[in-house]
């Protein structure tokens, strides 16, 4: 940042349980909500790497689980 402070970011998540990093001072994109993690971009990316271990969208995971149960 121009004033010497590090830019702040947040982790956002959508209805498909997909994660992204977003600038903390900007409104969330449509369909995305705050996940609760804020910090440097690197901190947010590291958090996502820890919690988002299955990159398939939720709807696909649900369909695959239903097919196994059928």
C-alpha atoms as a PDB file:
ATOM      1  CA  UNK A   1       0.000   0.000   0.000  1.00  0.00           C
ATOM      2  CA  UNK A   2       1.110   3.548  -0.550  1.00  0.00           C
ATOM      3  CA  UNK A   3       1.130   4.369   3.181  1.00  0.00           C
ATOM      4  CA  UNK A   4       3.387   1.412   4.053  1.00  0.00           C
ATOM      5  CA  UNK A   5       0.686  -0.846   5.477  1.00  0.00           C
ATOM      6  CA  UNK A   6       0.298  -4.317   4.047  1.00  0.00           C
ATOM      7  CA  UNK A   7      -2.911  -4.833   2.079  1.00  0.00           C
ATOM      8  CA  UNK A   8      -5.523  -6.835   3.966  1.00  0.00           C
ATOM      9  CA  UNK A   9      -7.467  -9.680   2.424  1.00  0.00           C
ATOM     10  CA  UNK A  10     -10.259 -12.008   3.456  1.00  0.00           C
ATOM     11  CA  UNK A  11     -11.391 -15.479   2.533  1.00  0.00           C
ATOM     12  CA  UNK A  12     -14.783 -15.703   0.863  1.00  0.00           C
ATOM     13  CA  UNK A  13     -16.850 -18.790   0.039  1.00  0.00           C
ATOM     14  CA  UNK A  14     -19.758 -19.399  -2.340  1.00  0.00           C
ATOM     15  CA  UNK A  15     -22.787 -21.704  -2.248  1.00  0.00           C
ATOM     16  CA  UNK A  16     -20.730 -24.474  -3.889  1.00  0.00           C
ATOM     17  CA  UNK A  17     -18.227 -24.285  -0.990  1.00  0.00           C
ATOM     18  CA  UNK A  18     -15.515 -22.927  -3.266  1.00  0.00           C
ATOM     19  CA  UNK A  19     -13.041 -20.531  -1.659  1.00  0.00           C
ATOM     20  CA  UNK A  20     -11.315 -17.388  -2.871  1.00  0.00           C
ATOM     21  CA  UNK A  21      -9.185 -14.516  -1.602  1.00  0.00           C
ATOM     22  CA  UNK A  22     -10.759 -11.069  -1.796  1.00  0.00           C
ATOM     23  CA  UNK A  23      -9.585  -7.583  -0.853  1.00  0.00           C
ATOM     24  CA  UNK A  24     -10.880  -6.882   2.667  1.00  0.00           C
ATOM     25  CA  UNK A  25     -11.854  -3.308   1.830  1.00  0.00           C
ATOM     26  CA  UNK A  26     -14.057  -4.288  -1.129  1.00  0.00           C
ATOM     27  CA  UNK A  27     -17.628  -5.552  -1.079  1.00  0.00           C
ATOM     28  CA  UNK A  28     -17.924  -9.274  -1.714  1.00  0.00           C
ATOM     29  CA  UNK A  29     -18.763 -10.348  -5.238  1.00  0.00           C
ATOM     30  CA  UNK A  30     -22.364 -11.459  -5.734  1.00  0.00           C
ATOM     31  CA  UNK A  31     -22.963 -14.916  -4.292  1.00  0.00           C
ATOM     32  CA  UNK A  32     -19.906 -14.927  -2.003  1.00  0.00           C
ATOM     33  CA  UNK A  33     -19.858 -14.545   1.791  1.00  0.00           C
ATOM     34  CA  UNK A  34     -17.127 -13.964   4.340  1.00  0.00           C
ATOM     35  CA  UNK A  35     -15.628 -17.206   5.621  1.00  0.00           C
ATOM     36  CA  UNK A  36     -14.112 -15.483   8.662  1.00  0.00           C
ATOM     37  CA  UNK A  37     -10.393 -15.467   7.890  1.00  0.00           C
ATOM     38  CA  UNK A  38      -8.567 -12.183   7.262  1.00  0.00           C
ATOM     39  CA  UNK A  39      -4.921 -11.205   6.943  1.00  0.00           C
ATOM     40  CA  UNK A  40      -2.235 -10.988   4.319  1.00  0.00           C
ATOM     41  CA  UNK A  41      -2.864 -12.552   0.935  1.00  0.00           C
ATOM     42  CA  UNK A  42      -0.370 -15.293   1.784  1.00  0.00           C
ATOM     43  CA  UNK A  43      -2.122 -16.006   5.111  1.00  0.00           C
ATOM     44  CA  UNK A  44      -5.466 -16.317   3.339  1.00  0.00           C
ATOM     45  CA  UNK A  45      -4.059 -18.603   0.630  1.00  0.00           C
ATOM     46  CA  UNK A  46      -2.448 -20.822   3.262  1.00  0.00           C
ATOM     47  CA  UNK A  47      -5.745 -21.058   5.135  1.00  0.00           C
ATOM     48  CA  UNK A  48      -7.585 -22.040   1.950  1.00  0.00           C
ATOM     49  CA  UNK A  49      -4.963 -24.712   1.218  1.00  0.00           C
ATOM     50  CA  UNK A  50      -5.630 -26.205   4.668  1.00  0.00           C
ATOM     51  CA  UNK A  51      -9.438 -26.190   4.616  1.00  0.00           C
ATOM     52  CA  UNK A  52     -10.347 -26.661   0.946  1.00  0.00           C
ATOM     53  CA  UNK A  53      -9.046 -30.166   0.399  1.00  0.00           C
ATOM     54  CA  UNK A  54     -11.725 -31.367  -2.033  1.00  0.00           C
ATOM     55  CA  UNK A  55     -11.871 -28.964  -4.955  1.00  0.00           C
ATOM     56  CA  UNK A  56     -15.036 -30.456  -6.428  1.00  0.00           C
ATOM     57  CA  UNK A  57     -18.079 -28.159  -6.190  1.00  0.00           C
ATOM     58  CA  UNK A  58     -20.571 -29.153  -3.500  1.00  0.00           C
ATOM     59  CA  UNK A  59     -23.240 -30.043  -6.067  1.00  0.00           C
ATOM     60  CA  UNK A  60     -20.882 -32.529  -7.734  1.00  0.00           C
ATOM     61  CA  UNK A  61     -19.891 -34.063  -4.402  1.00  0.00           C
ATOM     62  CA  UNK A  62     -23.571 -34.446  -3.507  1.00  0.00           C
ATOM     63  CA  UNK A  63     -24.400 -36.092  -6.865  1.00  0.00           C
ATOM     64  CA  UNK A  64     -21.464 -38.483  -6.565  1.00  0.00           C
ATOM     65  CA  UNK A  65     -22.440 -39.430  -3.003  1.00  0.00           C
ATOM     66  CA  UNK A  66     -26.044 -40.043  -4.097  1.00  0.00           C
ATOM     67  CA  UNK A  67     -24.846 -42.295  -6.929  1.00  0.00           C
ATOM     68  CA  UNK A  68     -22.798 -44.372  -4.468  1.00  0.00           C
ATOM     69  CA  UNK A  69     -25.779 -44.672  -2.115  1.00  0.00           C
ATOM     70  CA  UNK A  70     -28.140 -45.743  -4.934  1.00  0.00           C
END
